PDB file of N, CA and C in Angstrom:
ATOM      1  N   UNK A   1     103.109  31.642 109.178  1.00  0.00           N
ATOM      2  CA  UNK A   1     103.404  30.381 108.466  1.00  0.00           C
ATOM      3  C   UNK A   1     102.093  29.751 108.098  1.00  0.00           C
ATOM      4  N   UNK A   2     102.080  29.165 106.943  1.00  0.00           N
ATOM      5  CA  UNK A   2     100.866  28.576 106.439  1.00  0.00           C
ATOM      6  C   UNK A   2     100.579  27.265 107.087  1.00  0.00           C
ATOM      7  N   UNK A   3      99.369  26.683 107.023  1.00  0.00           N
ATOM      8  CA  UNK A   3      99.104  25.464 107.565  1.00  0.00           C
ATOM      9  C   UNK A   3      99.819  24.198 107.082  1.00  0.00           C
ATOM     10  N   UNK A   4     100.075  24.159 105.811  1.00  0.00           N
ATOM     11  CA  UNK A   4     100.936  23.078 105.346  1.00  0.00           C
ATOM     12  C   UNK A   4     102.355  23.298 105.712  1.00  0.00           C
ATOM     13  N   UNK A   5     102.890  24.461 105.887  1.00  0.00           N
ATOM     14  CA  UNK A   5     104.201  24.646 106.352  1.00  0.00           C
ATOM     15  C   UNK A   5     104.433  24.322 107.795  1.00  0.00           C
ATOM     16  N   UNK A   6     103.316  24.663 108.581  1.00  0.00           N
ATOM     17  CA  UNK A   6     103.256  24.280 109.978  1.00  0.00           C
ATOM     18  C   UNK A   6     103.269  22.736 110.180  1.00  0.00           C
ATOM     19  N   UNK A   7     102.453  22.202 109.467  1.00  0.00           N
ATOM     20  CA  UNK A   7     102.419  20.707 109.476  1.00  0.00           C
ATOM     21  C   UNK A   7     103.519  20.036 109.113  1.00  0.00           C
ATOM     22  N   UNK A   8     104.241  20.446 108.018  1.00  0.00           N
ATOM     23  CA  UNK A   8     105.391  19.751 107.636  1.00  0.00           C
ATOM     24  C   UNK A   8     106.551  19.962 108.711  1.00  0.00           C
ATOM     25  N   UNK A   9     106.639  21.307 109.154  1.00  0.00           N
ATOM     26  CA  UNK A   9     107.679  21.441 110.393  1.00  0.00           C
ATOM     27  C   UNK A   9     107.366  20.651 111.570  1.00  0.00           C
ATOM     28  N   UNK A  10     106.165  20.539 111.898  1.00  0.00           N
ATOM     29  CA  UNK A  10     105.719  19.834 113.144  1.00  0.00           C
ATOM     30  C   UNK A  10     106.148  18.297 113.005  1.00  0.00           C
ATOM     31  N   UNK A  11     105.934  17.682 111.823  1.00  0.00           N
ATOM     32  CA  UNK A  11     106.221  16.283 111.740  1.00  0.00           C
ATOM     33  C   UNK A  11     107.639  16.041 111.574  1.00  0.00           C
ATOM     34  N   UNK A  12     108.429  17.018 110.954  1.00  0.00           N
ATOM     35  CA  UNK A  12     109.900  16.938 110.827  1.00  0.00           C
ATOM     36  C   UNK A  12     110.467  17.034 112.148  1.00  0.00           C
ATOM     37  N   UNK A  13     109.940  17.762 113.065  1.00  0.00           N
ATOM     38  CA  UNK A  13     110.539  17.864 114.409  1.00  0.00           C
ATOM     39  C   UNK A  13     110.120  16.860 115.358  1.00  0.00           C
ATOM     40  N   UNK A  14     109.073  16.247 115.087  1.00  0.00           N
ATOM     41  CA  UNK A  14     108.344  15.199 116.018  1.00  0.00           C
ATOM     42  C   UNK A  14     108.013  13.897 115.343  1.00  0.00           C
ATOM     43  N   UNK A  15     108.850  13.269 114.589  1.00  0.00           N
ATOM     44  CA  UNK A  15     108.363  12.069 113.952  1.00  0.00           C
ATOM     45  C   UNK A  15     107.897  11.028 114.967  1.00  0.00           C
ATOM     46  N   UNK A  16     106.825  10.475 114.607  1.00  0.00           N
ATOM     47  CA  UNK A  16     106.214   9.471 115.599  1.00  0.00           C
ATOM     48  C   UNK A  16     105.073  10.035 116.521  1.00  0.00           C
ATOM     49  N   UNK A  17     104.913  11.358 116.483  1.00  0.00           N
ATOM     50  CA  UNK A  17     103.999  11.964 117.486  1.00  0.00           C
ATOM     51  C   UNK A  17     102.644  11.543 117.184  1.00  0.00           C
ATOM     52  N   UNK A  18     102.051  11.376 116.024  1.00  0.00           N
ATOM     53  CA  UNK A  18     100.659  10.944 115.944  1.00  0.00           C
ATOM     54  C   UNK A  18     100.506   9.592 116.465  1.00  0.00           C
ATOM     55  N   UNK A  19     101.444   8.668 116.266  1.00  0.00           N
ATOM     56  CA  UNK A  19     101.464   7.244 116.727  1.00  0.00           C
ATOM     57  C   UNK A  19     101.532   7.396 118.240  1.00  0.00           C
ATOM     58  N   UNK A  20     102.315   8.100 118.734  1.00  0.00           N
ATOM     59  CA  UNK A  20     102.456   8.219 120.233  1.00  0.00           C
ATOM     60  C   UNK A  20     101.003   8.545 120.963  1.00  0.00           C
ATOM     61  N   UNK A  21     100.476   9.620 120.304  1.00  0.00           N
ATOM     62  CA  UNK A  21      99.155  10.037 120.891  1.00  0.00           C
ATOM     63  C   UNK A  21      98.091   9.102 120.675  1.00  0.00           C
ATOM     64  N   UNK A  22      97.806   8.608 119.438  1.00  0.00           N
ATOM     65  CA  UNK A  22      96.829   7.731 119.031  1.00  0.00           C
ATOM     66  C   UNK A  22      96.773   6.301 119.621  1.00  0.00           C
ATOM     67  N   UNK A  23      98.075   6.015 119.920  1.00  0.00           N
ATOM     68  CA  UNK A  23      98.179   4.594 120.606  1.00  0.00           C
ATOM     69  C   UNK A  23      97.598   4.594 122.086  1.00  0.00           C
ATOM     70  N   UNK A  24      97.526   5.897 122.525  1.00  0.00           N
ATOM     71  CA  UNK A  24      97.063   5.892 123.984  1.00  0.00           C
ATOM     72  C   UNK A  24      95.536   6.182 123.970  1.00  0.00           C
ATOM     73  N   UNK A  25      94.853   6.507 122.795  1.00  0.00           N
ATOM     74  CA  UNK A  25      93.489   6.737 122.677  1.00  0.00           C
ATOM     75  C   UNK A  25      92.763   5.393 122.543  1.00  0.00           C
ATOM     76  N   UNK A  26      91.762   5.116 123.467  1.00  0.00           N
ATOM     77  CA  UNK A  26      91.065   3.998 123.603  1.00  0.00           C
ATOM     78  C   UNK A  26      89.553   4.147 123.563  1.00  0.00           C
ATOM     79  N   UNK A  27      88.862   3.385 122.915  1.00  0.00           N
ATOM     80  CA  UNK A  27      87.433   3.309 122.912  1.00  0.00           C
ATOM     81  C   UNK A  27      86.981   1.913 122.843  1.00  0.00           C
ATOM     82  N   UNK A  28      86.201   1.504 123.892  1.00  0.00           N
ATOM     83  CA  UNK A  28      85.753   0.138 123.951  1.00  0.00           C
ATOM     84  C   UNK A  28      86.967  -0.877 123.783  1.00  0.00           C
ATOM     85  N   UNK A  29      88.040  -0.425 124.460  1.00  0.00           N
ATOM     86  CA  UNK A  29      89.277  -1.466 124.405  1.00  0.00           C
ATOM     87  C   UNK A  29      90.082  -1.345 123.245  1.00  0.00           C
ATOM     88  N   UNK A  30      89.814  -0.483 122.227  1.00  0.00           N
ATOM     89  CA  UNK A  30      90.587  -0.464 120.940  1.00  0.00           C
ATOM     90  C   UNK A  30      91.161   0.837 120.594  1.00  0.00           C
ATOM     91  N   UNK A  31      92.238   0.873 119.992  1.00  0.00           N
ATOM     92  CA  UNK A  31      92.857   2.105 119.639  1.00  0.00           C
ATOM     93  C   UNK A  31      92.382   2.429 118.140  1.00  0.00           C
ATOM     94  N   UNK A  32      92.574   3.655 117.716  1.00  0.00           N
ATOM     95  CA  UNK A  32      92.227   3.965 116.348  1.00  0.00           C
ATOM     96  C   UNK A  32      92.922   3.156 115.285  1.00  0.00           C
ATOM     97  N   UNK A  33      94.125   2.764 115.612  1.00  0.00           N
ATOM     98  CA  UNK A  33      94.850   1.800 114.707  1.00  0.00           C
ATOM     99  C   UNK A  33      94.156   0.379 114.620  1.00  0.00           C
ATOM    100  N   UNK A  34      93.638  -0.089 115.623  1.00  0.00           N
ATOM    101  CA  UNK A  34      92.836  -1.295 115.591  1.00  0.00           C
ATOM    102  C   UNK A  34      91.602  -1.087 114.834  1.00  0.00           C
ATOM    103  N   UNK A  35      90.888   0.002 114.969  1.00  0.00           N
ATOM    104  CA  UNK A  35      89.702   0.280 114.220  1.00  0.00           C
ATOM    105  C   UNK A  35      90.109   0.277 112.815  1.00  0.00           C
ATOM    106  N   UNK A  36      91.110   0.925 112.317  1.00  0.00           N
ATOM    107  CA  UNK A  36      91.594   0.980 110.889  1.00  0.00           C
ATOM    108  C   UNK A  36      91.763  -0.446 110.485  1.00  0.00           C
ATOM    109  N   UNK A  37      92.584  -1.251 111.175  1.00  0.00           N
ATOM    110  CA  UNK A  37      92.807  -2.462 110.634  1.00  0.00           C
ATOM    111  C   UNK A  37      91.630  -3.464 110.548  1.00  0.00           C
ATOM    112  N   UNK A  38      90.622  -3.135 111.194  1.00  0.00           N
ATOM    113  CA  UNK A  38      89.291  -3.900 110.991  1.00  0.00           C
ATOM    114  C   UNK A  38      88.810  -3.591 109.615  1.00  0.00           C
ATOM    115  N   UNK A  39      89.023  -2.560 108.935  1.00  0.00           N
ATOM    116  CA  UNK A  39      88.572  -2.170 107.718  1.00  0.00           C
ATOM    117  C   UNK A  39      89.402  -2.593 106.525  1.00  0.00           C
ATOM    118  N   UNK A  40      90.578  -3.115 106.898  1.00  0.00           N
ATOM    119  CA  UNK A  40      91.412  -3.606 105.816  1.00  0.00           C
ATOM    120  C   UNK A  40      91.170  -5.112 105.348  1.00  0.00           C
ATOM    121  N   UNK A  41      90.826  -5.431 104.125  1.00  0.00           N
ATOM    122  CA  UNK A  41      90.501  -6.772 103.754  1.00  0.00           C
ATOM    123  C   UNK A  41      91.659  -7.687 104.147  1.00  0.00           C
ATOM    124  N   UNK A  42      91.453  -8.955 104.350  1.00  0.00           N
ATOM    125  CA  UNK A  42      92.397  -9.897 104.880  1.00  0.00           C
ATOM    126  C   UNK A  42      93.370 -10.149 103.783  1.00  0.00           C
ATOM    127  N   UNK A  43      92.963 -10.010 102.522  1.00  0.00           N
ATOM    128  CA  UNK A  43      93.968 -10.406 101.447  1.00  0.00           C
ATOM    129  C   UNK A  43      94.095  -9.196 100.547  1.00  0.00           C
ATOM    130  N   UNK A  44      95.158  -9.169  99.594  1.00  0.00           N
ATOM    131  CA  UNK A  44      95.263  -8.216  98.627  1.00  0.00           C
ATOM    132  C   UNK A  44      96.341  -7.206  99.162  1.00  0.00           C
ATOM    133  N   UNK A  45      96.595  -6.134  98.275  1.00  0.00           N
ATOM    134  CA  UNK A  45      97.594  -5.103  98.520  1.00  0.00           C
ATOM    135  C   UNK A  45      96.993  -4.087  99.424  1.00  0.00           C
ATOM    136  N   UNK A  46      97.963  -3.419 100.068  1.00  0.00           N
ATOM    137  CA  UNK A  46      97.477  -2.320 100.935  1.00  0.00           C
ATOM    138  C   UNK A  46      98.202  -0.973 100.574  1.00  0.00           C
ATOM    139  N   UNK A  47      97.637   0.092 100.341  1.00  0.00           N
ATOM    140  CA  UNK A  47      98.100   1.444 100.175  1.00  0.00           C
ATOM    141  C   UNK A  47      97.832   2.223 101.407  1.00  0.00           C
ATOM    142  N   UNK A  48      98.923   2.601 102.173  1.00  0.00           N
ATOM    143  CA  UNK A  48      98.712   3.193 103.415  1.00  0.00           C
ATOM    144  C   UNK A  48      99.112   4.642 103.213  1.00  0.00           C
ATOM    145  N   UNK A  49      98.097   5.470 102.896  1.00  0.00           N
ATOM    146  CA  UNK A  49      98.234   6.958 102.647  1.00  0.00           C
ATOM    147  C   UNK A  49      98.434   7.697 103.994  1.00  0.00           C
ATOM    148  N   UNK A  50      99.350   8.582 103.924  1.00  0.00           N
ATOM    149  CA  UNK A  50      99.657   9.374 105.278  1.00  0.00           C
ATOM    150  C   UNK A  50     100.110   8.349 106.307  1.00  0.00           C
ATOM    151  N   UNK A  51     100.870   7.374 105.925  1.00  0.00           N
ATOM    152  CA  UNK A  51     101.340   6.335 106.788  1.00  0.00           C
ATOM    153  C   UNK A  51     102.185   6.751 108.050  1.00  0.00           C
ATOM    154  N   UNK A  52     102.720   8.025 108.098  1.00  0.00           N
ATOM    155  CA  UNK A  52     103.528   8.446 109.097  1.00  0.00           C
ATOM    156  C   UNK A  52     104.606   7.568 109.465  1.00  0.00           C
ATOM    157  N   UNK A  53     104.700   7.057 110.763  1.00  0.00           N
ATOM    158  CA  UNK A  53     105.797   6.305 111.071  1.00  0.00           C
ATOM    159  C   UNK A  53     105.437   4.716 111.036  1.00  0.00           C
ATOM    160  N   UNK A  54     104.456   4.532 110.318  1.00  0.00           N
ATOM    161  CA  UNK A  54     103.910   3.192 109.853  1.00  0.00           C
ATOM    162  C   UNK A  54     103.575   2.296 110.962  1.00  0.00           C
ATOM    163  N   UNK A  55     102.714   2.825 112.029  1.00  0.00           N
ATOM    164  CA  UNK A  55     102.309   1.890 113.112  1.00  0.00           C
ATOM    165  C   UNK A  55     101.470   0.757 112.733  1.00  0.00           C
ATOM    166  N   UNK A  56     100.849   0.713 111.566  1.00  0.00           N
ATOM    167  CA  UNK A  56     100.050  -0.444 111.179  1.00  0.00           C
ATOM    168  C   UNK A  56     100.811  -1.631 110.514  1.00  0.00           C
ATOM    169  N   UNK A  57     102.018  -1.285 110.155  1.00  0.00           N
ATOM    170  CA  UNK A  57     102.850  -2.298 109.439  1.00  0.00           C
ATOM    171  C   UNK A  57     103.052  -3.505 110.194  1.00  0.00           C
ATOM    172  N   UNK A  58     103.329  -3.412 111.459  1.00  0.00           N
ATOM    173  CA  UNK A  58     103.595  -4.944 112.170  1.00  0.00           C
ATOM    174  C   UNK A  58     102.454  -5.761 111.871  1.00  0.00           C
ATOM    175  N   UNK A  59     101.306  -5.274 111.880  1.00  0.00           N
ATOM    176  CA  UNK A  59      99.984  -6.133 111.805  1.00  0.00           C
ATOM    177  C   UNK A  59      99.890  -6.508 110.330  1.00  0.00           C
ATOM    178  N   UNK A  60     100.437  -5.795 109.361  1.00  0.00           N
ATOM    179  CA  UNK A  60     100.324  -6.063 107.996  1.00  0.00           C
ATOM    180  C   UNK A  60     101.487  -6.875 107.411  1.00  0.00           C
ATOM    181  N   UNK A  61     102.391  -7.499 108.312  1.00  0.00           N
ATOM    182  CA  UNK A  61     103.492  -8.172 107.940  1.00  0.00           C
ATOM    183  C   UNK A  61     103.164  -9.257 106.941  1.00  0.00           C
ATOM    184  N   UNK A  62     103.972  -9.465 105.920  1.00  0.00           N
ATOM    185  CA  UNK A  62     103.610 -10.552 104.982  1.00  0.00           C
ATOM    186  C   UNK A  62     102.684  -9.982 103.872  1.00  0.00           C
ATOM    187  N   UNK A  63     102.083  -8.964 103.934  1.00  0.00           N
ATOM    188  CA  UNK A  63     101.196  -8.437 102.978  1.00  0.00           C
ATOM    189  C   UNK A  63     101.883  -7.442 102.028  1.00  0.00           C
ATOM    190  N   UNK A  64     101.427  -7.332 100.899  1.00  0.00           N
ATOM    191  CA  UNK A  64     102.126  -6.390  99.916  1.00  0.00           C
ATOM    192  C   UNK A  64     101.540  -4.924 100.306  1.00  0.00           C
ATOM    193  N   UNK A  65     102.374  -4.245 100.796  1.00  0.00           N
ATOM    194  CA  UNK A  65     102.039  -2.815 101.173  1.00  0.00           C
ATOM    195  C   UNK A  65     102.811  -1.696 100.526  1.00  0.00           C
ATOM    196  N   UNK A  66     102.262  -0.557 100.451  1.00  0.00           N
ATOM    197  CA  UNK A  66     103.093   0.635 100.041  1.00  0.00           C
ATOM    198  C   UNK A  66     102.609   1.742 100.899  1.00  0.00           C
ATOM    199  N   UNK A  67     103.608   2.427 101.579  1.00  0.00           N
ATOM    200  CA  UNK A  67     103.319   3.570 102.437  1.00  0.00           C
ATOM    201  C   UNK A  67     103.672   4.872 101.815  1.00  0.00           C
ATOM    202  N   UNK A  68     102.867   5.824 101.957  1.00  0.00           N
ATOM    203  CA  UNK A  68     103.001   7.249 101.309  1.00  0.00           C
ATOM    204  C   UNK A  68     102.800   8.278 102.459  1.00  0.00           C
ATOM    205  N   UNK A  69     103.864   9.098 102.521  1.00  0.00           N
ATOM    206  CA  UNK A  69     103.756  10.212 103.556  1.00  0.00           C
ATOM    207  C   UNK A  69     104.518  11.376 103.043  1.00  0.00           C
ATOM    208  N   UNK A  70     104.049  12.583 103.390  1.00  0.00           N
ATOM    209  CA  UNK A  70     104.773  13.793 102.965  1.00  0.00           C
ATOM    210  C   UNK A  70     105.947  14.132 103.872  1.00  0.00           C
ATOM    211  N   UNK A  71     105.956  13.542 105.066  1.00  0.00           N
ATOM    212  CA  UNK A  71     107.189  13.884 105.952  1.00  0.00           C
ATOM    213  C   UNK A  71     108.322  12.921 105.808  1.00  0.00           C
ATOM    214  N   UNK A  72     109.522  13.525 105.492  1.00  0.00           N
ATOM    215  CA  UNK A  72     110.725  12.629 105.334  1.00  0.00           C
ATOM    216  C   UNK A  72     111.172  12.019 106.687  1.00  0.00           C
ATOM    217  N   UNK A  73     110.921  12.886 107.739  1.00  0.00           N
ATOM    218  CA  UNK A  73     111.224  12.308 109.069  1.00  0.00           C
ATOM    219  C   UNK A  73     110.368  11.087 109.499  1.00  0.00           C
ATOM    220  N   UNK A  74     109.097  11.214 109.229  1.00  0.00           N
ATOM    221  CA  UNK A  74     108.175  10.113 109.624  1.00  0.00           C
ATOM    222  C   UNK A  74     108.598   9.003 108.766  1.00  0.00           C
ATOM    223  N   UNK A  75     108.850   9.003 107.470  1.00  0.00           N
ATOM    224  CA  UNK A  75     109.290   7.964 106.532  1.00  0.00           C
ATOM    225  C   UNK A  75     110.575   7.285 107.123  1.00  0.00           C
ATOM    226  N   UNK A  76     111.570   8.126 107.559  1.00  0.00           N
ATOM    227  CA  UNK A  76     112.816   7.684 108.202  1.00  0.00           C
ATOM    228  C   UNK A  76     112.568   6.930 109.300  1.00  0.00           C
ATOM    229  N   UNK A  77     111.622   7.233 110.180  1.00  0.00           N
ATOM    230  CA  UNK A  77     111.345   6.453 111.380  1.00  0.00           C
ATOM    231  C   UNK A  77     110.797   5.107 111.016  1.00  0.00           C
ATOM    232  N   UNK A  78     109.842   5.154 110.077  1.00  0.00           N
ATOM    233  CA  UNK A  78     109.163   3.980 109.465  1.00  0.00           C
ATOM    234  C   UNK A  78     110.166   3.054 108.910  1.00  0.00           C
ATOM    235  N   UNK A  79     111.068   3.557 108.113  1.00  0.00           N
ATOM    236  CA  UNK A  79     112.267   2.694 107.558  1.00  0.00           C
ATOM    237  C   UNK A  79     113.124   2.020 108.657  1.00  0.00           C
ATOM    238  N   UNK A  80     113.463   2.888 109.691  1.00  0.00           N
ATOM    239  CA  UNK A  80     114.264   2.209 110.803  1.00  0.00           C
ATOM    240  C   UNK A  80     113.501   1.098 111.437  1.00  0.00           C
ATOM    241  N   UNK A  81     112.162   1.106 111.354  1.00  0.00           N
ATOM    242  CA  UNK A  81     111.499  -0.003 112.033  1.00  0.00           C
ATOM    243  C   UNK A  81     111.068  -1.185 110.939  1.00  0.00           C
ATOM    244  N   UNK A  82     111.739  -1.048 109.825  1.00  0.00           N
ATOM    245  CA  UNK A  82     111.643  -2.130 108.819  1.00  0.00           C
ATOM    246  C   UNK A  82     110.430  -2.019 107.869  1.00  0.00           C
ATOM    247  N   UNK A  83     109.725  -0.959 107.930  1.00  0.00           N
ATOM    248  CA  UNK A  83     108.683  -0.701 106.981  1.00  0.00           C
ATOM    249  C   UNK A  83     109.146  -0.435 105.656  1.00  0.00           C
ATOM    250  N   UNK A  84     108.483  -0.911 104.668  1.00  0.00           N
ATOM    251  CA  UNK A  84     108.884  -0.463 103.249  1.00  0.00           C
ATOM    252  C   UNK A  84     108.200  -1.331 102.213  1.00  0.00           C
ATOM    253  N   UNK A  85     108.001  -1.011 100.975  1.00  0.00           N
ATOM    254  CA  UNK A  85     108.548   0.317 100.489  1.00  0.00           C
ATOM    255  C   UNK A  85     107.690   1.502 100.877  1.00  0.00           C
ATOM    256  N   UNK A  86     108.393   2.630 100.855  1.00  0.00           N
ATOM    257  CA  UNK A  86     107.743   3.932 101.306  1.00  0.00           C
ATOM    258  C   UNK A  86     108.052   5.034 100.243  1.00  0.00           C
ATOM    259  N   UNK A  87     107.107   5.858  99.999  1.00  0.00           N
ATOM    260  CA  UNK A  87     107.215   7.029  99.311  1.00  0.00           C
ATOM    261  C   UNK A  87     107.003   8.300  99.956  1.00  0.00           C
TER     262      UNK A  87
END
């Protein structure tokens, strides 16, 4: 199986796995998602590439956001949590 094929199958079978792992990774009291949010400007639109299950979206509520991911299963999980629009 090719790497792209493996990656697609992995996320199809395990939506939310990246969020589950990275939410437990801490350095200096912060998760990788908190580090990413520090780089997002306070105003303007947000394009979340490889958004996965959209773990950043609760912190971006009220902002104009577009999430993009290759995994239909990850996007379905994100939609079930109220994230959108998603591609």
